[in-house]
Amino acid sequence: MSKKEVLENILVTQVLTLAKVIKAEKKAKGSSSTTHYIPEAVQYIKESRSEILALLQDAHLNDNSK
């Protein structure tokens, strides 16, 4: 398996995990939808990506300055 395929598998796993979390949260709030929430998970990742990467970069820089 190539490095690209491994990274793609990790990404798919993360999206599926987030979709399950979204579904569980919706169910806990009383939703009985049968959707798989994968599009919502992908959208959430797209919307959050820049902010999360910036926070991780800041944390990394702070760790290196100690």
PDB file of N, CA and C in Angstrom:
ATOM      1  N   MET A   1       0.846  -1.168   0.000  1.00  0.00           N
ATOM      2  CA  MET A   1       0.000   0.000   0.000  1.00  0.00           C
ATOM      3  C   MET A   1       0.899   1.242   0.000  1.00  0.00           C
ATOM      4  N   SER A   2       0.574   2.198  -0.857  1.00  0.00           N
ATOM      5  CA  SER A   2       1.386   3.406  -0.955  1.00  0.00           C
ATOM      6  C   SER A   2       1.105   4.355   0.208  1.00  0.00           C
ATOM      7  N   LYS A   3       2.010   5.303   0.391  1.00  0.00           N
ATOM      8  CA  LYS A   3       1.837   6.305   1.445  1.00  0.00           C
ATOM      9  C   LYS A   3       0.538   7.087   1.222  1.00  0.00           C
ATOM     10  N   LYS A   4       0.238   7.405  -0.033  1.00  0.00           N
ATOM     11  CA  LYS A   4      -0.992   8.138  -0.362  1.00  0.00           C
ATOM     12  C   LYS A   4      -2.223   7.334   0.045  1.00  0.00           C
ATOM     13  N   GLU A   5      -2.218   6.052  -0.241  1.00  0.00           N
ATOM     14  CA  GLU A   5      -3.354   5.203   0.126  1.00  0.00           C
ATOM     15  C   GLU A   5      -3.516   5.110   1.641  1.00  0.00           C
ATOM     16  N   VAL A   6      -2.417   5.038   2.356  1.00  0.00           N
ATOM     17  CA  VAL A   6      -2.475   4.984   3.817  1.00  0.00           C
ATOM     18  C   VAL A   6      -3.087   6.278   4.349  1.00  0.00           C
ATOM     19  N   LEU A   7      -2.616   7.415   3.838  1.00  0.00           N
ATOM     20  CA  LEU A   7      -3.151   8.699   4.275  1.00  0.00           C
ATOM     21  C   LEU A   7      -4.636   8.844   3.921  1.00  0.00           C
ATOM     22  N   GLU A   8      -5.017   8.372   2.745  1.00  0.00           N
ATOM     23  CA  GLU A   8      -6.429   8.408   2.357  1.00  0.00           C
ATOM     24  C   GLU A   8      -7.276   7.542   3.290  1.00  0.00           C
ATOM     25  N   ASN A   9      -6.764   6.382   3.654  1.00  0.00           N
ATOM     26  CA  ASN A   9      -7.489   5.499   4.579  1.00  0.00           C
ATOM     27  C   ASN A   9      -7.645   6.153   5.954  1.00  0.00           C
ATOM     28  N   ILE A  10      -6.609   6.837   6.396  1.00  0.00           N
ATOM     29  CA  ILE A  10      -6.700   7.548   7.678  1.00  0.00           C
ATOM     30  C   ILE A  10      -7.766   8.633   7.591  1.00  0.00           C
ATOM     31  N   LEU A  11      -7.768   9.385   6.515  1.00  0.00           N
ATOM     32  CA  LEU A  11      -8.756  10.447   6.328  1.00  0.00           C
ATOM     33  C   LEU A  11     -10.171   9.885   6.292  1.00  0.00           C
ATOM     34  N   VAL A  12     -10.372   8.822   5.549  1.00  0.00           N
ATOM     35  CA  VAL A  12     -11.700   8.196   5.470  1.00  0.00           C
ATOM     36  C   VAL A  12     -12.149   7.726   6.851  1.00  0.00           C
ATOM     37  N   THR A  13     -11.238   7.127   7.589  1.00  0.00           N
ATOM     38  CA  THR A  13     -11.567   6.661   8.934  1.00  0.00           C
ATOM     39  C   THR A  13     -11.969   7.826   9.834  1.00  0.00           C
ATOM     40  N   GLN A  14     -11.258   8.917   9.729  1.00  0.00           N
ATOM     41  CA  GLN A  14     -11.572  10.090  10.541  1.00  0.00           C
ATOM     42  C   GLN A  14     -12.948  10.663  10.177  1.00  0.00           C
ATOM     43  N   VAL A  15     -13.258  10.715   8.889  1.00  0.00           N
ATOM     44  CA  VAL A  15     -14.566  11.214   8.447  1.00  0.00           C
ATOM     45  C   VAL A  15     -15.676  10.294   8.953  1.00  0.00           C
ATOM     46  N   LEU A  16     -15.475   8.994   8.834  1.00  0.00           N
ATOM     47  CA  LEU A  16     -16.488   8.049   9.310  1.00  0.00           C
ATOM     48  C   LEU A  16     -16.686   8.155  10.819  1.00  0.00           C
ATOM     49  N   THR A  17     -15.591   8.326  11.548  1.00  0.00           N
ATOM     50  CA  THR A  17     -15.683   8.482  13.000  1.00  0.00           C
ATOM     51  C   THR A  17     -16.456   9.744  13.358  1.00  0.00           C
ATOM     52  N   LEU A  18     -16.136  10.855  12.708  1.00  0.00           N
ATOM     53  CA  LEU A  18     -16.850  12.101  12.968  1.00  0.00           C
ATOM     54  C   LEU A  18     -18.320  11.977  12.591  1.00  0.00           C
ATOM     55  N   ALA A  19     -18.616  11.313  11.493  1.00  0.00           N
ATOM     56  CA  ALA A  19     -20.012  11.113  11.082  1.00  0.00           C
ATOM     57  C   ALA A  19     -20.780  10.330  12.145  1.00  0.00           C
ATOM     58  N   LYS A  20     -20.154   9.320  12.716  1.00  0.00           N
ATOM     59  CA  LYS A  20     -20.801   8.550  13.790  1.00  0.00           C
ATOM     60  C   LYS A  20     -21.045   9.418  15.024  1.00  0.00           C
ATOM     61  N   VAL A  21     -20.095  10.285  15.346  1.00  0.00           N
ATOM     62  CA  VAL A  21     -20.256  11.187  16.489  1.00  0.00           C
ATOM     63  C   VAL A  21     -21.426  12.148  16.229  1.00  0.00           C
ATOM     64  N   ILE A  22     -21.484  12.707  15.032  1.00  0.00           N
ATOM     65  CA  ILE A  22     -22.582  13.614  14.686  1.00  0.00           C
ATOM     66  C   ILE A  22     -23.913  12.880  14.805  1.00  0.00           C
ATOM     67  N   LYS A  23     -23.969  11.663  14.274  1.00  0.00           N
ATOM     68  CA  LYS A  23     -25.204  10.881  14.338  1.00  0.00           C
ATOM     69  C   LYS A  23     -25.601  10.609  15.788  1.00  0.00           C
ATOM     70  N   ALA A  24     -24.638  10.254  16.633  1.00  0.00           N
ATOM     71  CA  ALA A  24     -24.925   9.985  18.046  1.00  0.00           C
ATOM     72  C   ALA A  24     -25.424  11.241  18.750  1.00  0.00           C
ATOM     73  N   GLU A  25     -24.817  12.392  18.443  1.00  0.00           N
ATOM     74  CA  GLU A  25     -25.260  13.648  19.051  1.00  0.00           C
ATOM     75  C   GLU A  25     -26.681  13.991  18.619  1.00  0.00           C
ATOM     76  N   LYS A  26     -26.963  13.802  17.333  1.00  0.00           N
ATOM     77  CA  LYS A  26     -28.315  14.082  16.835  1.00  0.00           C
ATOM     78  C   LYS A  26     -29.330  13.133  17.472  1.00  0.00           C
ATOM     79  N   LYS A  27     -28.957  11.859  17.599  1.00  0.00           N
ATOM     80  CA  LYS A  27     -29.848  10.882  18.213  1.00  0.00           C
ATOM     81  C   LYS A  27     -30.120  11.242  19.669  1.00  0.00           C
ATOM     82  N   ALA A  28     -29.080  11.688  20.380  1.00  0.00           N
ATOM     83  CA  ALA A  28     -29.230  12.078  21.786  1.00  0.00           C
ATOM     84  C   ALA A  28     -30.181  13.267  21.935  1.00  0.00           C
ATOM     85  N   LYS A  29     -30.268  14.066  20.872  1.00  0.00           N
ATOM     86  CA  LYS A  29     -31.164  15.229  20.898  1.00  0.00           C
ATOM     87  C   LYS A  29     -32.550  14.890  20.354  1.00  0.00           C
ATOM     88  N   GLY A  30     -32.792  13.608  20.059  1.00  0.00           N
ATOM     89  CA  GLY A  30     -34.113  13.169  19.644  1.00  0.00           C
ATOM     90  C   GLY A  30     -34.309  12.959  18.161  1.00  0.00           C
ATOM     91  N   SER A  31     -33.285  13.154  17.351  1.00  0.00           N
ATOM     92  CA  SER A  31     -33.402  12.940  15.910  1.00  0.00           C
ATOM     93  C   SER A  31     -33.398  11.444  15.609  1.00  0.00           C
ATOM     94  N   SER A  32     -34.266  11.036  14.727  1.00  0.00           N
ATOM     95  CA  SER A  32     -34.308   9.622  14.357  1.00  0.00           C
ATOM     96  C   SER A  32     -33.986   9.435  12.879  1.00  0.00           C
ATOM     97  N   SER A  33     -33.146  10.298  12.338  1.00  0.00           N
ATOM     98  CA  SER A  33     -32.773  10.245  10.930  1.00  0.00           C
ATOM     99  C   SER A  33     -31.978   8.981  10.627  1.00  0.00           C
ATOM    100  N   THR A  34     -32.133   8.507   9.409  1.00  0.00           N
ATOM    101  CA  THR A  34     -31.380   7.331   8.980  1.00  0.00           C
ATOM    102  C   THR A  34     -30.173   7.725   8.126  1.00  0.00           C
ATOM    103  N   THR A  35     -29.904   9.013   8.008  1.00  0.00           N
ATOM    104  CA  THR A  35     -28.768   9.456   7.211  1.00  0.00           C
ATOM    105  C   THR A  35     -27.460   9.036   7.855  1.00  0.00           C
ATOM    106  N   HIS A  36     -26.404   9.004   7.078  1.00  0.00           N
ATOM    107  CA  HIS A  36     -25.101   8.573   7.589  1.00  0.00           C
ATOM    108  C   HIS A  36     -24.217   9.754   8.001  1.00  0.00           C
ATOM    109  N   TYR A  37     -24.613  10.989   7.724  1.00  0.00           N
ATOM    110  CA  TYR A  37     -23.929  12.221   8.145  1.00  0.00           C
ATOM    111  C   TYR A  37     -22.516  12.382   7.609  1.00  0.00           C
ATOM    112  N   ILE A  38     -22.159  11.644   6.584  1.00  0.00           N
ATOM    113  CA  ILE A  38     -20.829  11.802   5.992  1.00  0.00           C
ATOM    114  C   ILE A  38     -20.665  13.179   5.338  1.00  0.00           C
ATOM    115  N   PRO A  39     -21.638  13.676   4.562  1.00  0.00           N
ATOM    116  CA  PRO A  39     -21.467  15.027   3.999  1.00  0.00           C
ATOM    117  C   PRO A  39     -21.299  16.095   5.085  1.00  0.00           C
ATOM    118  N   GLU A  40     -22.030  15.969   6.180  1.00  0.00           N
ATOM    119  CA  GLU A  40     -21.909  16.916   7.279  1.00  0.00           C
ATOM    120  C   GLU A  40     -20.523  16.848   7.911  1.00  0.00           C
ATOM    121  N   ALA A  41     -19.995  15.646   8.047  1.00  0.00           N
ATOM    122  CA  ALA A  41     -18.660  15.470   8.620  1.00  0.00           C
ATOM    123  C   ALA A  41     -17.602  16.098   7.714  1.00  0.00           C
ATOM    124  N   VAL A  42     -17.714  15.888   6.421  1.00  0.00           N
ATOM    125  CA  VAL A  42     -16.757  16.466   5.468  1.00  0.00           C
ATOM    126  C   VAL A  42     -16.831  17.993   5.528  1.00  0.00           C
ATOM    127  N   GLN A  43     -18.039  18.535   5.549  1.00  0.00           N
ATOM    128  CA  GLN A  43     -18.207  19.985   5.608  1.00  0.00           C
ATOM    129  C   GLN A  43     -17.610  20.554   6.892  1.00  0.00           C
ATOM    130  N   TYR A  44     -17.840  19.877   8.004  1.00  0.00           N
ATOM    131  CA  TYR A  44     -17.297  20.330   9.289  1.00  0.00           C
ATOM    132  C   TYR A  44     -15.769  20.347   9.254  1.00  0.00           C
ATOM    133  N   ILE A  45     -15.176  19.338   8.668  1.00  0.00           N
ATOM    134  CA  ILE A  45     -13.723  19.282   8.548  1.00  0.00           C
ATOM    135  C   ILE A  45     -13.226  20.434   7.680  1.00  0.00           C
ATOM    136  N   LYS A  46     -13.882  20.673   6.546  1.00  0.00           N
ATOM    137  CA  LYS A  46     -13.486  21.773   5.664  1.00  0.00           C
ATOM    138  C   LYS A  46     -13.569  23.113   6.386  1.00  0.00           C
ATOM    139  N   GLU A  47     -14.642  23.320   7.143  1.00  0.00           N
ATOM    140  CA  GLU A  47     -14.847  24.585   7.843  1.00  0.00           C
ATOM    141  C   GLU A  47     -13.865  24.775   9.001  1.00  0.00           C
ATOM    142  N   SER A  48     -13.440  23.691   9.615  1.00  0.00           N
ATOM    143  CA  SER A  48     -12.606  23.765  10.815  1.00  0.00           C
ATOM    144  C   SER A  48     -11.117  23.649  10.541  1.00  0.00           C
ATOM    145  N   ARG A  49     -10.756  23.226   9.364  1.00  0.00           N
ATOM    146  CA  ARG A  49      -9.374  22.897   9.035  1.00  0.00           C
ATOM    147  C   ARG A  49      -8.389  24.017   9.349  1.00  0.00           C
ATOM    148  N   SER A  50      -8.614  25.197   8.814  1.00  0.00           N
ATOM    149  CA  SER A  50      -7.664  26.298   8.985  1.00  0.00           C
ATOM    150  C   SER A  50      -7.471  26.667  10.447  1.00  0.00           C
ATOM    151  N   GLU A  51      -8.571  26.766  11.176  1.00  0.00           N
ATOM    152  CA  GLU A  51      -8.489  27.140  12.590  1.00  0.00           C
ATOM    153  C   GLU A  51      -7.719  26.086  13.390  1.00  0.00           C
ATOM    154  N   ILE A  52      -8.009  24.828  13.132  1.00  0.00           N
ATOM    155  CA  ILE A  52      -7.341  23.751  13.873  1.00  0.00           C
ATOM    156  C   ILE A  52      -5.854  23.705  13.554  1.00  0.00           C
ATOM    157  N   LEU A  53      -5.502  23.846  12.276  1.00  0.00           N
ATOM    158  CA  LEU A  53      -4.085  23.834  11.904  1.00  0.00           C
ATOM    159  C   LEU A  53      -3.337  25.014  12.519  1.00  0.00           C
ATOM    160  N   ALA A  54      -3.989  26.175  12.580  1.00  0.00           N
ATOM    161  CA  ALA A  54      -3.363  27.346  13.210  1.00  0.00           C
ATOM    162  C   ALA A  54      -3.142  27.097  14.703  1.00  0.00           C
ATOM    163  N   LEU A  55      -4.132  26.528  15.371  1.00  0.00           N
ATOM    164  CA  LEU A  55      -3.991  26.221  16.795  1.00  0.00           C
ATOM    165  C   LEU A  55      -2.871  25.206  17.038  1.00  0.00           C
ATOM    166  N   LEU A  56      -2.803  24.204  16.186  1.00  0.00           N
ATOM    167  CA  LEU A  56      -1.735  23.209  16.325  1.00  0.00           C
ATOM    168  C   LEU A  56      -0.368  23.831  16.079  1.00  0.00           C
ATOM    169  N   GLN A  57      -0.285  24.721  15.109  1.00  0.00           N
ATOM    170  CA  GLN A  57       0.982  25.404  14.832  1.00  0.00           C
ATOM    171  C   GLN A  57       1.397  26.258  16.021  1.00  0.00           C
ATOM    172  N   ASP A  58       0.441  26.996  16.594  1.00  0.00           N
ATOM    173  CA  ASP A  58       0.731  27.814  17.773  1.00  0.00           C
ATOM    174  C   ASP A  58       1.199  26.939  18.933  1.00  0.00           C
ATOM    175  N   ALA A  59       0.527  25.833  19.140  1.00  0.00           N
ATOM    176  CA  ALA A  59       0.896  24.926  20.229  1.00  0.00           C
ATOM    177  C   ALA A  59       2.301  24.374  19.995  1.00  0.00           C
ATOM    178  N   HIS A  60       2.608  24.036  18.774  1.00  0.00           N
ATOM    179  CA  HIS A  60       3.938  23.515  18.431  1.00  0.00           C
ATOM    180  C   HIS A  60       5.001  24.571  18.683  1.00  0.00           C
ATOM    181  N   LEU A  61       4.731  25.803  18.272  1.00  0.00           N
ATOM    182  CA  LEU A  61       5.692  26.878  18.487  1.00  0.00           C
ATOM    183  C   LEU A  61       5.898  27.149  19.970  1.00  0.00           C
ATOM    184  N   ASN A  62       4.816  27.092  20.729  1.00  0.00           N
ATOM    185  CA  ASN A  62       4.914  27.298  22.178  1.00  0.00           C
ATOM    186  C   ASN A  62       5.721  26.189  22.849  1.00  0.00           C
ATOM    187  N   ASP A  63       5.548  24.961  22.387  1.00  0.00           N
ATOM    188  CA  ASP A  63       6.295  23.838  22.949  1.00  0.00           C
ATOM    189  C   ASP A  63       7.786  23.966  22.659  1.00  0.00           C
ATOM    190  N   ASN A  64       8.106  24.456  21.466  1.00  0.00           N
ATOM    191  CA  ASN A  64       9.508  24.582  21.077  1.00  0.00           C
ATOM    192  C   ASN A  64      10.212  25.740  21.767  1.00  0.00           C
ATOM    193  N   SER A  65       9.457  26.690  22.290  1.00  0.00           N
ATOM    194  CA  SER A  65      10.080  27.846  22.933  1.00  0.00           C
ATOM    195  C   SER A  65      10.416  27.576  24.396  1.00  0.00           C
ATOM    196  N   LYS A  66      10.040  26.425  24.908  1.00  0.00           N
ATOM    197  CA  LYS A  66      10.298  26.095  26.326  1.00  0.00           C
ATOM    198  C   LYS A  66      11.671  25.493  26.495  1.00  0.00           C
TER     199      LYS A  66
END
